[in-house]
PDB file of all heavy atoms in Angstrom:
ATOM      1  N   ALA A   1     118.430  99.488  81.395  1.00  0.00           N
ATOM      2  CA  ALA A   1     117.885  99.532  82.754  1.00  0.00           C
ATOM      3  C   ALA A   1     118.037  98.183  83.443  1.00  0.00           C
ATOM      4  O   ALA A   1     118.370  98.112  84.634  1.00  0.00           O
ATOM      5  CB  ALA A   1     116.415  99.953  82.713  1.00  0.00           C
ATOM      6  N   GLN A   2     117.817  97.108  82.705  1.00  0.00           N
ATOM      7  CA  GLN A   2     117.939  95.769  83.269  1.00  0.00           C
ATOM      8  C   GLN A   2     119.393  95.460  83.618  1.00  0.00           C
ATOM      9  O   GLN A   2     119.682  94.955  84.711  1.00  0.00           O
ATOM     10  CB  GLN A   2     117.410  94.743  82.257  1.00  0.00           C
ATOM     11  CG  GLN A   2     117.211  93.350  82.820  1.00  0.00           C
ATOM     12  CD  GLN A   2     115.919  93.214  83.596  1.00  0.00           C
ATOM     13  OE1 GLN A   2     115.028  94.046  83.461  1.00  0.00           O
ATOM     14  NE2 GLN A   2     115.823  92.190  84.423  1.00  0.00           N
ATOM     15  N   LEU A   3     120.308  95.767  82.723  1.00  0.00           N
ATOM     16  CA  LEU A   3     121.713  95.442  82.957  1.00  0.00           C
ATOM     17  C   LEU A   3     122.320  96.298  84.059  1.00  0.00           C
ATOM     18  O   LEU A   3     123.138  95.820  84.847  1.00  0.00           O
ATOM     19  CB  LEU A   3     122.509  95.631  81.661  1.00  0.00           C
ATOM     20  CG  LEU A   3     122.184  94.681  80.509  1.00  0.00           C
ATOM     21  CD1 LEU A   3     122.975  95.067  79.257  1.00  0.00           C
ATOM     22  CD2 LEU A   3     122.473  93.238  80.893  1.00  0.00           C
ATOM     23  N   ALA A   4     121.958  97.584  84.099  1.00  0.00           N
ATOM     24  CA  ALA A   4     122.549  98.513  85.067  1.00  0.00           C
ATOM     25  C   ALA A   4     121.738  98.626  86.345  1.00  0.00           C
ATOM     26  O   ALA A   4     122.122  99.383  87.243  1.00  0.00           O
ATOM     27  CB  ALA A   4     122.698  99.896  84.426  1.00  0.00           C
ATOM     28  N   GLU A   5     120.612  97.893  86.430  1.00  0.00           N
ATOM     29  CA  GLU A   5     119.718  97.985  87.586  1.00  0.00           C
ATOM     30  C   GLU A   5     119.327  99.436  87.830  1.00  0.00           C
ATOM     31  O   GLU A   5     119.371  99.954  88.955  1.00  0.00           O
ATOM     32  CB  GLU A   5     120.366  97.371  88.833  1.00  0.00           C
ATOM     33  CG  GLU A   5     120.666  95.889  88.676  1.00  0.00           C
ATOM     34  CD  GLU A   5     121.258  95.273  89.927  1.00  0.00           C
ATOM     35  OE1 GLU A   5     121.553  96.036  90.879  1.00  0.00           O
ATOM     36  OE2 GLU A   5     121.414  94.054  89.970  1.00  0.00           O
ATOM     37  N   ALA A   6     118.936 100.104  86.747  1.00  0.00           N
ATOM     38  CA  ALA A   6     118.552 101.511  86.790  1.00  0.00           C
ATOM     39  C   ALA A   6     117.038 101.637  86.684  1.00  0.00           C
ATOM     40  O   ALA A   6     116.334 100.698  86.303  1.00  0.00           O
ATOM     41  CB  ALA A   6     119.222 102.274  85.649  1.00  0.00           C
ATOM     42  N   GLY A   7     116.535 102.817  87.020  1.00  0.00           N
ATOM     43  CA  GLY A   7     115.132 103.099  86.842  1.00  0.00           C
ATOM     44  C   GLY A   7     114.803 103.325  85.379  1.00  0.00           C
ATOM     45  O   GLY A   7     115.684 103.582  84.552  1.00  0.00           O
ATOM     46  N   ALA A   8     113.528 103.228  85.044  1.00  0.00           N
ATOM     47  CA  ALA A   8     113.082 103.410  83.655  1.00  0.00           C
ATOM     48  C   ALA A   8     111.774 104.179  83.651  1.00  0.00           C
ATOM     49  O   ALA A   8     110.897 103.934  84.483  1.00  0.00           O
ATOM     50  CB  ALA A   8     112.917 102.061  82.952  1.00  0.00           C
ATOM     51  N   LEU A   9     111.650 105.092  82.696  1.00  0.00           N
ATOM     52  CA  LEU A   9     110.437 105.894  82.548  1.00  0.00           C
ATOM     53  C   LEU A   9     110.071 105.939  81.067  1.00  0.00           C
ATOM     54  O   LEU A   9     110.843 106.442  80.247  1.00  0.00           O
ATOM     55  CB  LEU A   9     110.662 107.305  83.091  1.00  0.00           C
ATOM     56  CG  LEU A   9     109.509 108.305  82.966  1.00  0.00           C
ATOM     57  CD1 LEU A   9     108.254 107.780  83.647  1.00  0.00           C
ATOM     58  CD2 LEU A   9     109.916 109.659  83.533  1.00  0.00           C
ATOM     59  N   VAL A  10     108.913 105.391  80.728  1.00  0.00           N
ATOM     60  CA  VAL A  10     108.397 105.388  79.362  1.00  0.00           C
ATOM     61  C   VAL A  10     107.154 106.262  79.357  1.00  0.00           C
ATOM     62  O   VAL A  10     106.163 105.936  80.027  1.00  0.00           O
ATOM     63  CB  VAL A  10     108.062 103.960  78.885  1.00  0.00           C
ATOM     64  CG1 VAL A  10     107.500 103.985  77.473  1.00  0.00           C
ATOM     65  CG2 VAL A  10     109.297 103.070  78.962  1.00  0.00           C
ATOM     66  N   GLY A  11     107.198 107.393  78.645  1.00  0.00           N
ATOM     67  CA  GLY A  11     106.102 108.342  78.713  1.00  0.00           C
ATOM     68  C   GLY A  11     105.570 108.752  77.363  1.00  0.00           C
ATOM     69  O   GLY A  11     106.249 108.623  76.336  1.00  0.00           O
ATOM     70  N   GLY A  12     104.343 109.258  77.369  1.00  0.00           N
ATOM     71  CA  GLY A  12     103.728 109.763  76.147  1.00  0.00           C
ATOM     72  C   GLY A  12     102.274 110.098  76.411  1.00  0.00           C
ATOM     73  O   GLY A  12     101.707 109.728  77.445  1.00  0.00           O
ATOM     74  N   TYR A  13     101.660 110.815  75.471  1.00  0.00           N
ATOM     75  CA  TYR A  13     100.224 111.055  75.573  1.00  0.00           C
ATOM     76  C   TYR A  13      99.457 109.776  75.266  1.00  0.00           C
ATOM     77  O   TYR A  13      98.398 109.526  75.841  1.00  0.00           O
ATOM     78  CB  TYR A  13      99.808 112.166  74.612  1.00  0.00           C
ATOM     79  CG  TYR A  13     100.395 113.513  74.953  1.00  0.00           C
ATOM     80  CD1 TYR A  13     101.248 114.164  74.071  1.00  0.00           C
ATOM     81  CD2 TYR A  13     100.112 114.131  76.162  1.00  0.00           C
ATOM     82  CE1 TYR A  13     101.794 115.403  74.376  1.00  0.00           C
ATOM     83  CE2 TYR A  13     100.654 115.364  76.483  1.00  0.00           C
ATOM     84  CZ  TYR A  13     101.499 115.993  75.583  1.00  0.00           C
ATOM     85  OH  TYR A  13     102.032 117.205  75.896  1.00  0.00           O
ATOM     86  N   ALA A  14      99.968 108.976  74.358  1.00  0.00           N
ATOM     87  CA  ALA A  14      99.386 107.675  74.043  1.00  0.00           C
ATOM     88  C   ALA A  14     100.264 106.585  74.661  1.00  0.00           C
ATOM     89  O   ALA A  14     101.311 106.860  75.241  1.00  0.00           O
ATOM     90  CB  ALA A  14      99.270 107.501  72.531  1.00  0.00           C
ATOM     91  N   ARG A  15      99.830 105.346  74.531  1.00  0.00           N
ATOM     92  CA  ARG A  15     100.600 104.226  75.073  1.00  0.00           C
ATOM     93  C   ARG A  15     100.675 103.125  74.031  1.00  0.00           C
ATOM     94  O   ARG A  15      99.655 102.757  73.430  1.00  0.00           O
ATOM     95  CB  ARG A  15      99.966 103.685  76.358  1.00  0.00           C
ATOM     96  CG  ARG A  15     100.778 102.578  77.018  1.00  0.00           C
ATOM     97  CD  ARG A  15     100.066 102.001  78.229  1.00  0.00           C
ATOM     98  NE  ARG A  15      99.836 102.999  79.271  1.00  0.00           N
ATOM     99  CZ  ARG A  15      99.199 102.743  80.415  1.00  0.00           C
ATOM    100  NH1 ARG A  15      98.706 101.529  80.630  1.00  0.00           N
ATOM    101  NH2 ARG A  15      99.046 103.699  81.304  1.00  0.00           N
ATOM    102  N   THR A  16     101.849 102.601  73.822  1.00  0.00           N
ATOM    103  CA  THR A  16     102.030 101.509  72.877  1.00  0.00           C
ATOM    104  C   THR A  16     101.649 100.173  73.520  1.00  0.00           C
ATOM    105  O   THR A  16     101.569 100.051  74.745  1.00  0.00           O
ATOM    106  CB  THR A  16     103.484 101.443  72.405  1.00  0.00           C
ATOM    107  OG1 THR A  16     104.339 101.238  73.556  1.00  0.00           O
ATOM    108  CG2 THR A  16     103.902 102.725  71.701  1.00  0.00           C
ATOM    109  N   ALA A  17     101.444  99.178  72.675  1.00  0.00           N
ATOM    110  CA  ALA A  17     101.190  97.830  73.187  1.00  0.00           C
ATOM    111  C   ALA A  17     102.401  97.318  73.955  1.00  0.00           C
ATOM    112  O   ALA A  17     102.261  96.563  74.930  1.00  0.00           O
ATOM    113  CB  ALA A  17     100.846  96.896  72.031  1.00  0.00           C
ATOM    114  N   GLU A  18     103.592  97.728  73.527  1.00  0.00           N
ATOM    115  CA  GLU A  18     104.803  97.326  74.252  1.00  0.00           C
ATOM    116  C   GLU A  18     104.832  97.928  75.648  1.00  0.00           C
ATOM    117  O   GLU A  18     105.220  97.269  76.620  1.00  0.00           O
ATOM    118  CB  GLU A  18     106.043  97.756  73.473  1.00  0.00           C
ATOM    119  CG  GLU A  18     106.327  96.952  72.220  1.00  0.00           C
ATOM    120  CD  GLU A  18     105.466  97.341  71.031  1.00  0.00           C
ATOM    121  OE1 GLU A  18     104.695  98.324  71.144  1.00  0.00           O
ATOM    122  OE2 GLU A  18     105.546  96.666  69.985  1.00  0.00           O
ATOM    123  N   GLY A  19     104.412  99.202  75.767  1.00  0.00           N
ATOM    124  CA  GLY A  19     104.325  99.809  77.083  1.00  0.00           C
ATOM    125  C   GLY A  19     103.290  99.126  77.959  1.00  0.00           C
ATOM    126  O   GLY A  19     103.497  98.928  79.164  1.00  0.00           O
ATOM    127  N   GLN A  20     102.155  98.762  77.373  1.00  0.00           N
ATOM    128  CA  GLN A  20     101.126  98.062  78.124  1.00  0.00           C
ATOM    129  C   GLN A  20     101.618  96.701  78.595  1.00  0.00           C
ATOM    130  O   GLN A  20     101.285  96.260  79.711  1.00  0.00           O
ATOM    131  CB  GLN A  20      99.873  97.899  77.261  1.00  0.00           C
ATOM    132  CG  GLN A  20      98.707  97.214  77.952  1.00  0.00           C
ATOM    133  CD  GLN A  20      98.169  98.003  79.124  1.00  0.00           C
ATOM    134  OE1 GLN A  20      98.350  99.224  79.194  1.00  0.00           O
ATOM    135  NE2 GLN A  20      97.500  97.334  80.044  1.00  0.00           N
ATOM    136  N   LEU A  21     102.414  96.029  77.789  1.00  0.00           N
ATOM    137  CA  LEU A  21     102.965  94.731  78.190  1.00  0.00           C
ATOM    138  C   LEU A  21     103.857  94.880  79.421  1.00  0.00           C
ATOM    139  O   LEU A  21     103.855  94.012  80.309  1.00  0.00           O
ATOM    140  CB  LEU A  21     103.751  94.117  77.033  1.00  0.00           C
ATOM    141  CG  LEU A  21     104.332  92.722  77.275  1.00  0.00           C
ATOM    142  CD1 LEU A  21     103.207  91.710  77.471  1.00  0.00           C
ATOM    143  CD2 LEU A  21     105.220  92.289  76.112  1.00  0.00           C
ATOM    144  N   LEU A  22     104.617  95.967  79.500  1.00  0.00           N
ATOM    145  CA  LEU A  22     105.446  96.209  80.683  1.00  0.00           C
ATOM    146  C   LEU A  22     104.586  96.319  81.930  1.00  0.00           C
ATOM    147  O   LEU A  22     104.968  95.840  83.007  1.00  0.00           O
ATOM    148  CB  LEU A  22     106.262  97.488  80.499  1.00  0.00           C
ATOM    149  CG  LEU A  22     107.274  97.527  79.352  1.00  0.00           C
ATOM    150  CD1 LEU A  22     107.924  98.905  79.277  1.00  0.00           C
ATOM    151  CD2 LEU A  22     108.329  96.452  79.523  1.00  0.00           C
ATOM    152  N   VAL A  23     103.418  96.952  81.799  1.00  0.00           N
ATOM    153  CA  VAL A  23     102.518  97.111  82.942  1.00  0.00           C
ATOM    154  C   VAL A  23     101.875  95.786  83.312  1.00  0.00           C
ATOM    155  O   VAL A  23     101.837  95.392  84.491  1.00  0.00           O
ATOM    156  CB  VAL A  23     101.441  98.166  82.624  1.00  0.00           C
ATOM    157  CG1 VAL A  23     100.395  98.236  83.736  1.00  0.00           C
ATOM    158  CG2 VAL A  23     102.080  99.535  82.427  1.00  0.00           C
ATOM    159  N   GLU A  24     101.369  95.052  82.324  1.00  0.00           N
ATOM    160  CA  GLU A  24     100.640  93.817  82.602  1.00  0.00           C
ATOM    161  C   GLU A  24     101.540  92.716  83.140  1.00  0.00           C
ATOM    162  O   GLU A  24     101.075  91.854  83.900  1.00  0.00           O
ATOM    163  CB  GLU A  24      99.916  93.346  81.337  1.00  0.00           C
ATOM    164  CG  GLU A  24      98.785  94.272  80.906  1.00  0.00           C
ATOM    165  CD  GLU A  24      97.946  93.692  79.797  1.00  0.00           C
ATOM    166  OE1 GLU A  24      98.135  92.500  79.450  1.00  0.00           O
ATOM    167  OE2 GLU A  24      97.085  94.425  79.257  1.00  0.00           O
ATOM    168  N   THR A  25     102.811  92.722  82.763  1.00  0.00           N
ATOM    169  CA  THR A  25     103.729  91.710  83.291  1.00  0.00           C
ATOM    170  C   THR A  25     104.298  92.101  84.643  1.00  0.00           C
ATOM    171  O   THR A  25     105.013  91.302  85.263  1.00  0.00           O
ATOM    172  CB  THR A  25     104.894  91.481  82.314  1.00  0.00           C
ATOM    173  OG1 THR A  25     105.567  92.724  82.062  1.00  0.00           O
ATOM    174  CG2 THR A  25     104.390  90.900  81.000  1.00  0.00           C
ATOM    175  N   GLY A  26     104.013  93.317  85.114  1.00  0.00           N
ATOM    176  CA  GLY A  26     104.527  93.762  86.395  1.00  0.00           C
ATOM    177  C   GLY A  26     105.921  94.331  86.348  1.00  0.00           C
ATOM    178  O   GLY A  26     106.477  94.692  87.397  1.00  0.00           O
ATOM    179  N   TRP A  27     106.506  94.424  85.150  1.00  0.00           N
ATOM    180  CA  TRP A  27     107.870  94.967  85.048  1.00  0.00           C
ATOM    181  C   TRP A  27     107.873  96.447  85.385  1.00  0.00           C
ATOM    182  O   TRP A  27     108.841  96.969  85.933  1.00  0.00           O
ATOM    183  CB  TRP A  27     108.413  94.734  83.638  1.00  0.00           C
ATOM    184  CG  TRP A  27     109.885  94.930  83.509  1.00  0.00           C
ATOM    185  CD1 TRP A  27     110.859  93.981  83.663  1.00  0.00           C
ATOM    186  CD2 TRP A  27     110.570  96.149  83.181  1.00  0.00           C
ATOM    187  NE1 TRP A  27     112.098  94.528  83.463  1.00  0.00           N
ATOM    188  CE2 TRP A  27     111.959  95.864  83.166  1.00  0.00           C
ATOM    189  CE3 TRP A  27     110.159  97.446  82.903  1.00  0.00           C
ATOM    190  CZ2 TRP A  27     112.922  96.819  82.883  1.00  0.00           C
ATOM    191  CZ3 TRP A  27     111.122  98.412  82.627  1.00  0.00           C
ATOM    192  CH2 TRP A  27     112.489  98.104  82.619  1.00  0.00           C
ATOM    193  N   ALA A  28     106.795  97.147  85.073  1.00  0.00           N
ATOM    194  CA  ALA A  28     106.682  98.580  85.348  1.00  0.00           C
ATOM    195  C   ALA A  28     105.315  98.876  85.936  1.00  0.00           C
ATOM    196  O   ALA A  28     104.364  98.090  85.789  1.00  0.00           O
ATOM    197  CB  ALA A  28     106.897  99.401  84.074  1.00  0.00           C
ATOM    198  N   ARG A  29     105.222 100.030  86.593  1.00  0.00           N
ATOM    199  CA  ARG A  29     103.961 100.482  87.168  1.00  0.00           C
ATOM    200  C   ARG A  29     103.445 101.654  86.352  1.00  0.00           C
ATOM    201  O   ARG A  29     104.233 102.504  85.924  1.00  0.00           O
ATOM    202  CB  ARG A  29     104.185 100.905  88.619  1.00  0.00           C
ATOM    203  CG  ARG A  29     102.919 101.407  89.321  1.00  0.00           C
ATOM    204  CD  ARG A  29     103.218 101.801  90.751  1.00  0.00           C
ATOM    205  NE  ARG A  29     102.038 102.332  91.416  1.00  0.00           N
ATOM    206  CZ  ARG A  29     102.024 102.784  92.659  1.00  0.00           C
ATOM    207  NH1 ARG A  29     103.152 102.761  93.370  1.00  0.00           N
ATOM    208  NH2 ARG A  29     100.913 103.255  93.192  1.00  0.00           N
ATOM    209  N   GLU A  30     102.130 101.696  86.135  1.00  0.00           N
ATOM    210  CA  GLU A  30     101.601 102.804  85.364  1.00  0.00           C
ATOM    211  C   GLU A  30     101.439 104.040  86.244  1.00  0.00           C
ATOM    212  O   GLU A  30     101.104 103.949  87.429  1.00  0.00           O
ATOM    213  CB  GLU A  30     100.283 102.434  84.695  1.00  0.00           C
ATOM    214  CG  GLU A  30      99.122 102.209  85.619  1.00  0.00           C
ATOM    215  CD  GLU A  30      97.842 101.961  84.841  1.00  0.00           C
ATOM    216  OE1 GLU A  30      97.853 102.038  83.601  1.00  0.00           O
ATOM    217  OE2 GLU A  30      96.804 101.687  85.484  1.00  0.00           O
ATOM    218  N   VAL A  31     101.707 105.193  85.650  1.00  0.00           N
ATOM    219  CA  VAL A  31     101.535 106.483  86.314  1.00  0.00           C
ATOM    220  C   VAL A  31     100.496 107.249  85.509  1.00  0.00           C
ATOM    221  O   VAL A  31     100.773 107.699  84.394  1.00  0.00           O
ATOM    222  CB  VAL A  31     102.867 107.261  86.390  1.00  0.00           C
ATOM    223  CG1 VAL A  31     102.652 108.637  87.005  1.00  0.00           C
ATOM    224  CG2 VAL A  31     103.904 106.475  87.182  1.00  0.00           C
ATOM    225  N   VAL A  32      99.294 107.364  86.056  1.00  0.00           N
ATOM    226  CA  VAL A  32      98.184 108.012  85.371  1.00  0.00           C
ATOM    227  C   VAL A  32      97.494 108.967  86.339  1.00  0.00           C
ATOM    228  O   VAL A  32      97.594 108.825  87.557  1.00  0.00           O
ATOM    229  CB  VAL A  32      97.167 106.985  84.822  1.00  0.00           C
ATOM    230  CG1 VAL A  32      97.807 106.101  83.764  1.00  0.00           C
ATOM    231  CG2 VAL A  32      96.612 106.130  85.959  1.00  0.00           C
ATOM    232  N   ALA A  33      96.785 109.939  85.789  1.00  0.00           N
ATOM    233  CA  ALA A  33      96.027 110.884  86.602  1.00  0.00           C
ATOM    234  C   ALA A  33      94.674 110.286  86.964  1.00  0.00           C
ATOM    235  O   ALA A  33      94.145 109.421  86.251  1.00  0.00           O
ATOM    236  CB  ALA A  33      95.840 112.193  85.850  1.00  0.00           C
ATOM    237  N   ASP A  34      94.098 110.752  88.084  1.00  0.00           N
ATOM    238  CA  ASP A  34      92.748 110.294  88.399  1.00  0.00           C
ATOM    239  C   ASP A  34      91.746 111.029  87.506  1.00  0.00           C
ATOM    240  O   ASP A  34      92.050 112.029  86.869  1.00  0.00           O
ATOM    241  CB  ASP A  34      92.427 110.483  89.885  1.00  0.00           C
ATOM    242  CG  ASP A  34      92.554 111.927  90.342  1.00  0.00           C
ATOM    243  OD1 ASP A  34      92.112 112.829  89.609  1.00  0.00           O
ATOM    244  OD2 ASP A  34      93.105 112.157  91.437  1.00  0.00           O
ATOM    245  N   ARG A  35      90.518 110.529  87.475  1.00  0.00           N
ATOM    246  CA  ARG A  35      89.535 111.018  86.517  1.00  0.00           C
ATOM    247  C   ARG A  35      89.143 112.471  86.786  1.00  0.00           C
ATOM    248  O   ARG A  35      88.848 113.226  85.853  1.00  0.00           O
ATOM    249  CB  ARG A  35      88.278 110.143  86.557  1.00  0.00           C
ATOM    250  CG  ARG A  35      88.513 108.687  86.202  1.00  0.00           C
ATOM    251  CD  ARG A  35      89.220 108.501  84.878  1.00  0.00           C
ATOM    252  NE  ARG A  35      88.478 109.004  83.738  1.00  0.00           N
ATOM    253  CZ  ARG A  35      88.904 108.936  82.483  1.00  0.00           C
ATOM    254  NH1 ARG A  35      90.100 108.403  82.221  1.00  0.00           N
ATOM    255  NH2 ARG A  35      88.176 109.412  81.494  1.00  0.00           N
ATOM    256  N   ALA A  36      89.149 112.901  88.053  1.00  0.00           N
ATOM    257  CA  ALA A  36      88.759 114.286  88.352  1.00  0.00           C
ATOM    258  C   ALA A  36      89.762 115.262  87.746  1.00  0.00           C
ATOM    259  O   ALA A  36      89.382 116.273  87.138  1.00  0.00           O
ATOM    260  CB  ALA A  36      88.648 114.483  89.861  1.00  0.00           C
ATOM    261  N   VAL A  37      91.044 114.968  87.908  1.00  0.00           N
ATOM    262  CA  VAL A  37      92.079 115.828  87.335  1.00  0.00           C
ATOM    263  C   VAL A  37      92.010 115.775  85.811  1.00  0.00           C
ATOM    264  O   VAL A  37      92.148 116.796  85.123  1.00  0.00           O
ATOM    265  CB  VAL A  37      93.469 115.411  87.836  1.00  0.00           C
ATOM    266  CG1 VAL A  37      94.566 116.203  87.119  1.00  0.00           C
ATOM    267  CG2 VAL A  37      93.574 115.596  89.335  1.00  0.00           C
ATOM    268  N   LEU A  38      91.772 114.579  85.275  1.00  0.00           N
ATOM    269  CA  LEU A  38      91.694 114.425  83.822  1.00  0.00           C
ATOM    270  C   LEU A  38      90.559 115.261  83.236  1.00  0.00           C
ATOM    271  O   LEU A  38      90.726 115.933  82.214  1.00  0.00           O
ATOM    272  CB  LEU A  38      91.506 112.951  83.475  1.00  0.00           C
ATOM    273  CG  LEU A  38      91.450 112.593  81.987  1.00  0.00           C
ATOM    274  CD1 LEU A  38      92.738 112.990  81.298  1.00  0.00           C
ATOM    275  CD2 LEU A  38      91.185 111.108  81.801  1.00  0.00           C
ATOM    276  N   ARG A  39      89.405 115.243  83.886  1.00  0.00           N
ATOM    277  CA  ARG A  39      88.272 116.027  83.377  1.00  0.00           C
ATOM    278  C   ARG A  39      88.576 117.523  83.397  1.00  0.00           C
ATOM    279  O   ARG A  39      88.146 118.265  82.508  1.00  0.00           O
ATOM    280  CB  ARG A  39      87.024 115.723  84.202  1.00  0.00           C
ATOM    281  CG  ARG A  39      86.365 114.393  83.872  1.00  0.00           C
ATOM    282  CD  ARG A  39      84.994 114.302  84.498  1.00  0.00           C
ATOM    283  NE  ARG A  39      85.091 114.238  85.961  1.00  0.00           N
ATOM    284  CZ  ARG A  39      85.178 113.110  86.658  1.00  0.00           C
ATOM    285  NH1 ARG A  39      85.196 111.945  86.018  1.00  0.00           N
ATOM    286  NH2 ARG A  39      85.253 113.134  87.967  1.00  0.00           N
ATOM    287  N   ALA A  40      89.334 117.958  84.399  1.00  0.00           N
ATOM    288  CA  ALA A  40      89.648 119.386  84.496  1.00  0.00           C
ATOM    289  C   ALA A  40      90.662 119.828  83.452  1.00  0.00           C
ATOM    290  O   ALA A  40      90.698 120.999  83.077  1.00  0.00           O
ATOM    291  CB  ALA A  40      90.164 119.701  85.899  1.00  0.00           C
ATOM    292  N   ARG A  41      91.487 118.917  82.985  1.00  0.00           N
ATOM    293  CA  ARG A  41      92.571 119.279  82.060  1.00  0.00           C
ATOM    294  C   ARG A  41      92.248 119.005  80.594  1.00  0.00           C
ATOM    295  O   ARG A  41      92.935 119.513  79.700  1.00  0.00           O
ATOM    296  CB  ARG A  41      93.835 118.487  82.441  1.00  0.00           C
ATOM    297  CG  ARG A  41      94.407 118.817  83.810  1.00  0.00           C
ATOM    298  CD  ARG A  41      95.274 120.054  83.778  1.00  0.00           C
ATOM    299  NE  ARG A  41      96.451 119.847  82.957  1.00  0.00           N
ATOM    300  CZ  ARG A  41      97.596 119.319  83.423  1.00  0.00           C
ATOM    301  NH1 ARG A  41      97.702 118.964  84.689  1.00  0.00           N
ATOM    302  NH2 ARG A  41      98.636 119.167  82.619  1.00  0.00           N
TER     303      ARG A  41
END
């Protein structure tokens, strides 16, 4: 993704520390549901 200037999507029910590092450094944005939807599902 870095070399080709492409988009990147890292997904799962859980999240790794490596995925969290991408979010905290600003390299990626987290995509999460709001709490109301989460409670319903």
